[in-house]
Amino acid sequence: MAAKKKDNPTDEVPFEEGLKKLEGIVEEMEGDDLPLEKLLERYEEGTRLAKGCQAKLEAAELKIQKLQPNADGEDELVDDDSVEF
């Protein structure tokens, strides 16, 4: 029986909070007082946070790209097929 994958707790962290935690992890890792085990834990946590933040940025960028000015000059959501890059 396959083990059920846990929900990623970084998925529910707001972008700004995730970024702040990531910055703290980087600062902590740059110091030389972390034992190897803690360093690896921080690296793994930082990697999860970075992926979560990147996914949120990509989702926001996609949403912004879908907003296009209409004939009245007001932004409206458009279909993926009609978005010009």
PDB file of N, CA and C in Angstrom:
ATOM      1  N   MET A   1       0.840  -1.191   0.000  1.00  0.00           N
ATOM      2  CA  MET A   1       0.000   0.000   0.000  1.00  0.00           C
ATOM      3  C   MET A   1       0.881   1.249   0.000  1.00  0.00           C
ATOM      4  N   ALA A   2       0.644   2.141  -0.906  1.00  0.00           N
ATOM      5  CA  ALA A   2       1.448   3.357  -1.015  1.00  0.00           C
ATOM      6  C   ALA A   2       1.085   4.329   0.097  1.00  0.00           C
ATOM      7  N   ALA A   3       2.106   4.986   0.612  1.00  0.00           N
ATOM      8  CA  ALA A   3       1.874   5.972   1.663  1.00  0.00           C
ATOM      9  C   ALA A   3       1.238   7.211   1.046  1.00  0.00           C
ATOM     10  N   LYS A   4       0.272   7.757   1.745  1.00  0.00           N
ATOM     11  CA  LYS A   4      -0.399   8.966   1.280  1.00  0.00           C
ATOM     12  C   LYS A   4       0.548  10.146   1.444  1.00  0.00           C
ATOM     13  N   LYS A   5       0.689  10.908   0.408  1.00  0.00           N
ATOM     14  CA  LYS A   5       1.567  12.074   0.437  1.00  0.00           C
ATOM     15  C   LYS A   5       0.917  13.171   1.271  1.00  0.00           C
ATOM     16  N   LYS A   6       1.693  13.751   2.183  1.00  0.00           N
ATOM     17  CA  LYS A   6       1.175  14.829   3.023  1.00  0.00           C
ATOM     18  C   LYS A   6       0.969  16.085   2.192  1.00  0.00           C
ATOM     19  N   ASP A   7      -0.030  16.860   2.583  1.00  0.00           N
ATOM     20  CA  ASP A   7      -0.213  18.162   1.948  1.00  0.00           C
ATOM     21  C   ASP A   7       0.995  19.021   2.275  1.00  0.00           C
ATOM     22  N   ASN A   8       1.435  19.791   1.316  1.00  0.00           N
ATOM     23  CA  ASN A   8       2.580  20.656   1.518  1.00  0.00           C
ATOM     24  C   ASN A   8       2.148  21.880   2.310  1.00  0.00           C
ATOM     25  N   PRO A   9       2.687  22.076   3.531  1.00  0.00           N
ATOM     26  CA  PRO A   9       2.263  23.216   4.337  1.00  0.00           C
ATOM     27  C   PRO A   9       2.628  24.556   3.711  1.00  0.00           C
ATOM     28  N   THR A  10       3.597  24.580   2.787  1.00  0.00           N
ATOM     29  CA  THR A  10       3.964  25.844   2.157  1.00  0.00           C
ATOM     30  C   THR A  10       2.915  26.291   1.151  1.00  0.00           C
ATOM     31  N   ASP A  11       1.999  25.378   0.728  1.00  0.00           N
ATOM     32  CA  ASP A  11       0.953  25.753  -0.216  1.00  0.00           C
ATOM     33  C   ASP A  11      -0.007  26.773   0.389  1.00  0.00           C
ATOM     34  N   GLU A  12      -0.153  26.748   1.697  1.00  0.00           N
ATOM     35  CA  GLU A  12      -1.109  27.621   2.350  1.00  0.00           C
ATOM     36  C   GLU A  12      -0.473  28.891   2.910  1.00  0.00           C
ATOM     37  N   VAL A  13       0.827  29.021   2.772  1.00  0.00           N
ATOM     38  CA  VAL A  13       1.539  30.194   3.271  1.00  0.00           C
ATOM     39  C   VAL A  13       1.394  31.315   2.242  1.00  0.00           C
ATOM     40  N   PRO A  14       0.956  32.501   2.672  1.00  0.00           N
ATOM     41  CA  PRO A  14       0.889  33.625   1.736  1.00  0.00           C
ATOM     42  C   PRO A  14       2.270  33.917   1.143  1.00  0.00           C
ATOM     43  N   PHE A  15       2.303  34.432  -0.062  1.00  0.00           N
ATOM     44  CA  PHE A  15       3.561  34.672  -0.773  1.00  0.00           C
ATOM     45  C   PHE A  15       4.553  35.483   0.057  1.00  0.00           C
ATOM     46  N   GLU A  16       4.095  36.587   0.614  1.00  0.00           N
ATOM     47  CA  GLU A  16       4.994  37.471   1.354  1.00  0.00           C
ATOM     48  C   GLU A  16       5.592  36.765   2.572  1.00  0.00           C
ATOM     49  N   GLU A  17       4.766  35.978   3.261  1.00  0.00           N
ATOM     50  CA  GLU A  17       5.245  35.244   4.433  1.00  0.00           C
ATOM     51  C   GLU A  17       6.255  34.168   4.008  1.00  0.00           C
ATOM     52  N   GLY A  18       5.967  33.485   2.916  1.00  0.00           N
ATOM     53  CA  GLY A  18       6.883  32.467   2.410  1.00  0.00           C
ATOM     54  C   GLY A  18       8.216  33.064   2.020  1.00  0.00           C
ATOM     55  N   LEU A  19       8.171  34.222   1.370  1.00  0.00           N
ATOM     56  CA  LEU A  19       9.399  34.895   0.959  1.00  0.00           C
ATOM     57  C   LEU A  19      10.215  35.327   2.181  1.00  0.00           C
ATOM     58  N   LYS A  20       9.537  35.838   3.194  1.00  0.00           N
ATOM     59  CA  LYS A  20      10.217  36.270   4.408  1.00  0.00           C
ATOM     60  C   LYS A  20      10.874  35.070   5.111  1.00  0.00           C
ATOM     61  N   LYS A  21      10.142  33.936   5.182  1.00  0.00           N
ATOM     62  CA  LYS A  21      10.710  32.727   5.781  1.00  0.00           C
ATOM     63  C   LYS A  21      11.914  32.246   4.982  1.00  0.00           C
ATOM     64  N   LEU A  22      11.805  32.310   3.672  1.00  0.00           N
ATOM     65  CA  LEU A  22      12.897  31.888   2.806  1.00  0.00           C
ATOM     66  C   LEU A  22      14.139  32.752   3.036  1.00  0.00           C
ATOM     67  N   GLU A  23      13.945  34.057   3.162  1.00  0.00           N
ATOM     68  CA  GLU A  23      15.071  34.952   3.433  1.00  0.00           C
ATOM     69  C   GLU A  23      15.723  34.623   4.769  1.00  0.00           C
ATOM     70  N   GLY A  24      14.904  34.315   5.786  1.00  0.00           N
ATOM     71  CA  GLY A  24      15.437  33.939   7.091  1.00  0.00           C
ATOM     72  C   GLY A  24      16.244  32.653   7.028  1.00  0.00           C
ATOM     73  N   ILE A  25      15.765  31.699   6.245  1.00  0.00           N
ATOM     74  CA  ILE A  25      16.477  30.433   6.084  1.00  0.00           C
ATOM     75  C   ILE A  25      17.830  30.668   5.421  1.00  0.00           C
ATOM     76  N   VAL A  26      17.848  31.512   4.394  1.00  0.00           N
ATOM     77  CA  VAL A  26      19.099  31.811   3.701  1.00  0.00           C
ATOM     78  C   VAL A  26      20.098  32.449   4.666  1.00  0.00           C
ATOM     79  N   GLU A  27      19.639  33.407   5.456  1.00  0.00           N
ATOM     80  CA  GLU A  27      20.528  34.049   6.429  1.00  0.00           C
ATOM     81  C   GLU A  27      21.064  33.037   7.431  1.00  0.00           C
ATOM     82  N   GLU A  28      20.181  32.166   7.899  1.00  0.00           N
ATOM     83  CA  GLU A  28      20.585  31.158   8.866  1.00  0.00           C
ATOM     84  C   GLU A  28      21.607  30.194   8.259  1.00  0.00           C
ATOM     85  N   MET A  29      21.395  29.822   7.008  1.00  0.00           N
ATOM     86  CA  MET A  29      22.309  28.891   6.344  1.00  0.00           C
ATOM     87  C   MET A  29      23.658  29.537   6.039  1.00  0.00           C
ATOM     88  N   GLU A  30      23.675  30.840   5.847  1.00  0.00           N
ATOM     89  CA  GLU A  30      24.928  31.532   5.552  1.00  0.00           C
ATOM     90  C   GLU A  30      25.847  31.594   6.769  1.00  0.00           C
ATOM     91  N   GLY A  31      25.266  31.471   7.960  1.00  0.00           N
ATOM     92  CA  GLY A  31      26.076  31.411   9.170  1.00  0.00           C
ATOM     93  C   GLY A  31      26.802  30.079   9.233  1.00  0.00           C
ATOM     94  N   ASP A  32      27.816  29.986  10.057  1.00  0.00           N
ATOM     95  CA  ASP A  32      28.562  28.733  10.102  1.00  0.00           C
ATOM     96  C   ASP A  32      28.334  27.969  11.402  1.00  0.00           C
ATOM     97  N   ASP A  33      27.207  28.180  12.050  1.00  0.00           N
ATOM     98  CA  ASP A  33      26.981  27.494  13.320  1.00  0.00           C
ATOM     99  C   ASP A  33      25.890  26.420  13.246  1.00  0.00           C
ATOM    100  N   LEU A  34      25.412  26.084  12.042  1.00  0.00           N
ATOM    101  CA  LEU A  34      24.406  25.040  11.903  1.00  0.00           C
ATOM    102  C   LEU A  34      25.071  23.682  11.695  1.00  0.00           C
ATOM    103  N   PRO A  35      24.656  22.681  12.459  1.00  0.00           N
ATOM    104  CA  PRO A  35      25.159  21.330  12.182  1.00  0.00           C
ATOM    105  C   PRO A  35      24.603  20.846  10.838  1.00  0.00           C
ATOM    106  N   LEU A  36      25.258  19.876  10.259  1.00  0.00           N
ATOM    107  CA  LEU A  36      24.894  19.384   8.936  1.00  0.00           C
ATOM    108  C   LEU A  36      23.439  18.964   8.843  1.00  0.00           C
ATOM    109  N   GLU A  37      22.918  18.276   9.851  1.00  0.00           N
ATOM    110  CA  GLU A  37      21.534  17.811   9.821  1.00  0.00           C
ATOM    111  C   GLU A  37      20.559  18.983   9.730  1.00  0.00           C
ATOM    112  N   LYS A  38      20.803  20.017  10.528  1.00  0.00           N
ATOM    113  CA  LYS A  38      19.940  21.212  10.503  1.00  0.00           C
ATOM    114  C   LYS A  38      20.081  21.945   9.172  1.00  0.00           C
ATOM    115  N   LEU A  39      21.303  21.975   8.655  1.00  0.00           N
ATOM    116  CA  LEU A  39      21.540  22.627   7.374  1.00  0.00           C
ATOM    117  C   LEU A  39      20.730  21.946   6.274  1.00  0.00           C
ATOM    118  N   LEU A  40      20.708  20.623   6.282  1.00  0.00           N
ATOM    119  CA  LEU A  40      19.922  19.886   5.292  1.00  0.00           C
ATOM    120  C   LEU A  40      18.427  20.120   5.470  1.00  0.00           C
ATOM    121  N   GLU A  41      17.961  20.161   6.723  1.00  0.00           N
ATOM    122  CA  GLU A  41      16.546  20.444   6.985  1.00  0.00           C
ATOM    123  C   GLU A  41      16.167  21.818   6.448  1.00  0.00           C
ATOM    124  N   ARG A  42      17.021  22.801   6.697  1.00  0.00           N
ATOM    125  CA  ARG A  42      16.741  24.174   6.231  1.00  0.00           C
ATOM    126  C   ARG A  42      16.752  24.229   4.711  1.00  0.00           C
ATOM    127  N   TYR A  43      17.687  23.496   4.099  1.00  0.00           N
ATOM    128  CA  TYR A  43      17.758  23.461   2.639  1.00  0.00           C
ATOM    129  C   TYR A  43      16.465  22.892   2.058  1.00  0.00           C
ATOM    130  N   GLU A  44      15.996  21.784   2.627  1.00  0.00           N
ATOM    131  CA  GLU A  44      14.758  21.165   2.146  1.00  0.00           C
ATOM    132  C   GLU A  44      13.567  22.100   2.332  1.00  0.00           C
ATOM    133  N   GLU A  45      13.493  22.734   3.494  1.00  0.00           N
ATOM    134  CA  GLU A  45      12.398  23.677   3.744  1.00  0.00           C
ATOM    135  C   GLU A  45      12.473  24.859   2.778  1.00  0.00           C
ATOM    136  N   GLY A  46      13.677  25.366   2.568  1.00  0.00           N
ATOM    137  CA  GLY A  46      13.865  26.484   1.643  1.00  0.00           C
ATOM    138  C   GLY A  46      13.478  26.119   0.220  1.00  0.00           C
ATOM    139  N   THR A  47      13.813  24.898  -0.180  1.00  0.00           N
ATOM    140  CA  THR A  47      13.454  24.439  -1.519  1.00  0.00           C
ATOM    141  C   THR A  47      11.944  24.379  -1.683  1.00  0.00           C
ATOM    142  N   ARG A  48      11.237  23.854  -0.660  1.00  0.00           N
ATOM    143  CA  ARG A  48       9.770  23.801  -0.720  1.00  0.00           C
ATOM    144  C   ARG A  48       9.180  25.205  -0.772  1.00  0.00           C
ATOM    145  N   LEU A  49       9.711  26.105   0.051  1.00  0.00           N
ATOM    146  CA  LEU A  49       9.206  27.479   0.051  1.00  0.00           C
ATOM    147  C   LEU A  49       9.450  28.154  -1.292  1.00  0.00           C
ATOM    148  N   ALA A  50      10.632  27.955  -1.849  1.00  0.00           N
ATOM    149  CA  ALA A  50      10.966  28.571  -3.135  1.00  0.00           C
ATOM    150  C   ALA A  50      10.031  28.069  -4.234  1.00  0.00           C
ATOM    151  N   LYS A  51       9.757  26.773  -4.247  1.00  0.00           N
ATOM    152  CA  LYS A  51       8.846  26.213  -5.253  1.00  0.00           C
ATOM    153  C   LYS A  51       7.433  26.765  -5.066  1.00  0.00           C
ATOM    154  N   GLY A  52       6.991  26.868  -3.812  1.00  0.00           N
ATOM    155  CA  GLY A  52       5.663  27.415  -3.535  1.00  0.00           C
ATOM    156  C   GLY A  52       5.548  28.863  -3.962  1.00  0.00           C
ATOM    157  N   CYS A  53       6.572  29.656  -3.660  1.00  0.00           N
ATOM    158  CA  CYS A  53       6.566  31.068  -4.056  1.00  0.00           C
ATOM    159  C   CYS A  53       6.595  31.198  -5.575  1.00  0.00           C
ATOM    160  N   GLN A  54       7.405  30.370  -6.235  1.00  0.00           N
ATOM    161  CA  GLN A  54       7.487  30.412  -7.693  1.00  0.00           C
ATOM    162  C   GLN A  54       6.139  30.074  -8.322  1.00  0.00           C
ATOM    163  N   ALA A  55       5.460  29.072  -7.779  1.00  0.00           N
ATOM    164  CA  ALA A  55       4.148  28.682  -8.311  1.00  0.00           C
ATOM    165  C   ALA A  55       3.143  29.825  -8.153  1.00  0.00           C
ATOM    166  N   LYS A  56       3.191  30.503  -7.012  1.00  0.00           N
ATOM    167  CA  LYS A  56       2.279  31.627  -6.786  1.00  0.00           C
ATOM    168  C   LYS A  56       2.586  32.781  -7.731  1.00  0.00           C
ATOM    169  N   LEU A  57       3.864  33.031  -7.988  1.00  0.00           N
ATOM    170  CA  LEU A  57       4.241  34.079  -8.940  1.00  0.00           C
ATOM    171  C   LEU A  57       3.751  33.745 -10.353  1.00  0.00           C
ATOM    172  N   GLU A  58       3.935  32.488 -10.751  1.00  0.00           N
ATOM    173  CA  GLU A  58       3.502  32.073 -12.079  1.00  0.00           C
ATOM    174  C   GLU A  58       1.986  32.187 -12.228  1.00  0.00           C
ATOM    175  N   ALA A  59       1.243  31.814 -11.185  1.00  0.00           N
ATOM    176  CA  ALA A  59      -0.214  31.922 -11.226  1.00  0.00           C
ATOM    177  C   ALA A  59      -0.644  33.384 -11.335  1.00  0.00           C
ATOM    178  N   ALA A  60       0.024  34.251 -10.590  1.00  0.00           N
ATOM    179  CA  ALA A  60      -0.302  35.683 -10.642  1.00  0.00           C
ATOM    180  C   ALA A  60       0.034  36.256 -12.012  1.00  0.00           C
ATOM    181  N   GLU A  61       1.162  35.853 -12.574  1.00  0.00           N
ATOM    182  CA  GLU A  61       1.558  36.337 -13.895  1.00  0.00           C
ATOM    183  C   GLU A  61       0.553  35.899 -14.956  1.00  0.00           C
ATOM    184  N   LEU A  62       0.102  34.652 -14.862  1.00  0.00           N
ATOM    185  CA  LEU A  62      -0.888  34.156 -15.819  1.00  0.00           C
ATOM    186  C   LEU A  62      -2.189  34.944 -15.716  1.00  0.00           C
ATOM    187  N   LYS A  63      -2.594  35.232 -14.498  1.00  0.00           N
ATOM    188  CA  LYS A  63      -3.827  35.997 -14.295  1.00  0.00           C
ATOM    189  C   LYS A  63      -3.685  37.407 -14.874  1.00  0.00           C
ATOM    190  N   ILE A  64      -2.531  38.023 -14.679  1.00  0.00           N
ATOM    191  CA  ILE A  64      -2.289  39.367 -15.210  1.00  0.00           C
ATOM    192  C   ILE A  64      -2.279  39.343 -16.735  1.00  0.00           C
ATOM    193  N   GLN A  65      -1.663  38.291 -17.300  1.00  0.00           N
ATOM    194  CA  GLN A  65      -1.608  38.195 -18.757  1.00  0.00           C
ATOM    195  C   GLN A  65      -3.001  38.041 -19.357  1.00  0.00           C
ATOM    196  N   LYS A  66      -3.915  37.449 -18.603  1.00  0.00           N
ATOM    197  CA  LYS A  66      -5.272  37.251 -19.101  1.00  0.00           C
ATOM    198  C   LYS A  66      -6.097  38.536 -19.047  1.00  0.00           C
ATOM    199  N   LEU A  67      -5.648  39.520 -18.267  1.00  0.00           N
ATOM    200  CA  LEU A  67      -6.361  40.793 -18.198  1.00  0.00           C
ATOM    201  C   LEU A  67      -5.963  41.646 -19.399  1.00  0.00           C
ATOM    202  N   GLN A  68      -6.918  41.941 -20.227  1.00  0.00           N
ATOM    203  CA  GLN A  68      -6.666  42.738 -21.415  1.00  0.00           C
ATOM    204  C   GLN A  68      -7.661  43.891 -21.467  1.00  0.00           C
ATOM    205  N   PRO A  69      -7.221  45.054 -21.925  1.00  0.00           N
ATOM    206  CA  PRO A  69      -8.172  46.167 -22.028  1.00  0.00           C
ATOM    207  C   PRO A  69      -9.232  45.887 -23.095  1.00  0.00           C
ATOM    208  N   ASN A  70     -10.475  46.191 -22.766  1.00  0.00           N
ATOM    209  CA  ASN A  70     -11.561  46.020 -23.735  1.00  0.00           C
ATOM    210  C   ASN A  70     -11.726  47.321 -24.521  1.00  0.00           C
ATOM    211  N   ALA A  71     -12.780  47.413 -25.317  1.00  0.00           N
ATOM    212  CA  ALA A  71     -13.015  48.591 -26.157  1.00  0.00           C
ATOM    213  C   ALA A  71     -13.177  49.869 -25.338  1.00  0.00           C
ATOM    214  N   ASP A  72     -13.667  49.727 -24.085  1.00  0.00           N
ATOM    215  CA  ASP A  72     -13.856  50.891 -23.216  1.00  0.00           C
ATOM    216  C   ASP A  72     -12.596  51.242 -22.434  1.00  0.00           C
ATOM    217  N   GLY A  73     -11.522  50.474 -22.640  1.00  0.00           N
ATOM    218  CA  GLY A  73     -10.283  50.730 -21.920  1.00  0.00           C
ATOM    219  C   GLY A  73     -10.252  50.109 -20.542  1.00  0.00           C
ATOM    220  N   GLU A  74     -11.272  49.326 -20.198  1.00  0.00           N
ATOM    221  CA  GLU A  74     -11.306  48.659 -18.894  1.00  0.00           C
ATOM    222  C   GLU A  74     -10.730  47.260 -19.033  1.00  0.00           C
ATOM    223  N   ASP A  75     -10.011  46.815 -18.010  1.00  0.00           N
ATOM    224  CA  ASP A  75      -9.427  45.481 -18.048  1.00  0.00           C
ATOM    225  C   ASP A  75     -10.509  44.429 -17.868  1.00  0.00           C
ATOM    226  N   GLU A  76     -10.407  43.362 -18.646  1.00  0.00           N
ATOM    227  CA  GLU A  76     -11.318  42.237 -18.499  1.00  0.00           C
ATOM    228  C   GLU A  76     -10.539  40.951 -18.751  1.00  0.00           C
ATOM    229  N   LEU A  77     -11.012  39.869 -18.156  1.00  0.00           N
ATOM    230  CA  LEU A  77     -10.391  38.575 -18.379  1.00  0.00           C
ATOM    231  C   LEU A  77     -10.741  38.079 -19.767  1.00  0.00           C
ATOM    232  N   VAL A  78      -9.747  37.532 -20.462  1.00  0.00           N
ATOM    233  CA  VAL A  78      -9.973  36.997 -21.799  1.00  0.00           C
ATOM    234  C   VAL A  78      -9.576  35.532 -21.824  1.00  0.00           C
ATOM    235  N   ASP A  79      -9.999  34.804 -22.840  1.00  0.00           N
ATOM    236  CA  ASP A  79      -9.644  33.405 -22.993  1.00  0.00           C
ATOM    237  C   ASP A  79      -8.154  33.266 -23.250  1.00  0.00           C
ATOM    238  N   ASP A  80      -7.597  32.109 -22.873  1.00  0.00           N
ATOM    239  CA  ASP A  80      -6.176  31.838 -23.092  1.00  0.00           C
ATOM    240  C   ASP A  80      -5.789  31.984 -24.568  1.00  0.00           C
ATOM    241  N   ASP A  81      -6.671  31.559 -25.475  1.00  0.00           N
ATOM    242  CA  ASP A  81      -6.356  31.570 -26.896  1.00  0.00           C
ATOM    243  C   ASP A  81      -6.212  32.982 -27.468  1.00  0.00           C
ATOM    244  N   SER A  82      -6.847  33.952 -26.840  1.00  0.00           N
ATOM    245  CA  SER A  82      -6.809  35.309 -27.404  1.00  0.00           C
ATOM    246  C   SER A  82      -5.775  36.200 -26.736  1.00  0.00           C
ATOM    247  N   VAL A  83      -4.998  35.669 -25.783  1.00  0.00           N
ATOM    248  CA  VAL A  83      -3.965  36.465 -25.113  1.00  0.00           C
ATOM    249  C   VAL A  83      -2.782  36.615 -26.053  1.00  0.00           C
ATOM    250  N   GLU A  84      -2.374  37.862 -26.268  1.00  0.00           N
ATOM    251  CA  GLU A  84      -1.222  38.139 -27.130  1.00  0.00           C
ATOM    252  C   GLU A  84      -0.006  38.356 -26.263  1.00  0.00           C
ATOM    253  N   PHE A  85       1.126  37.768 -26.721  1.00  0.00           N
ATOM    254  CA  PHE A  85       2.395  37.908 -25.968  1.00  0.00           C
ATOM    255  C   PHE A  85       3.356  38.766 -26.719  1.00  0.00           C
TER     256      PHE A  85
END
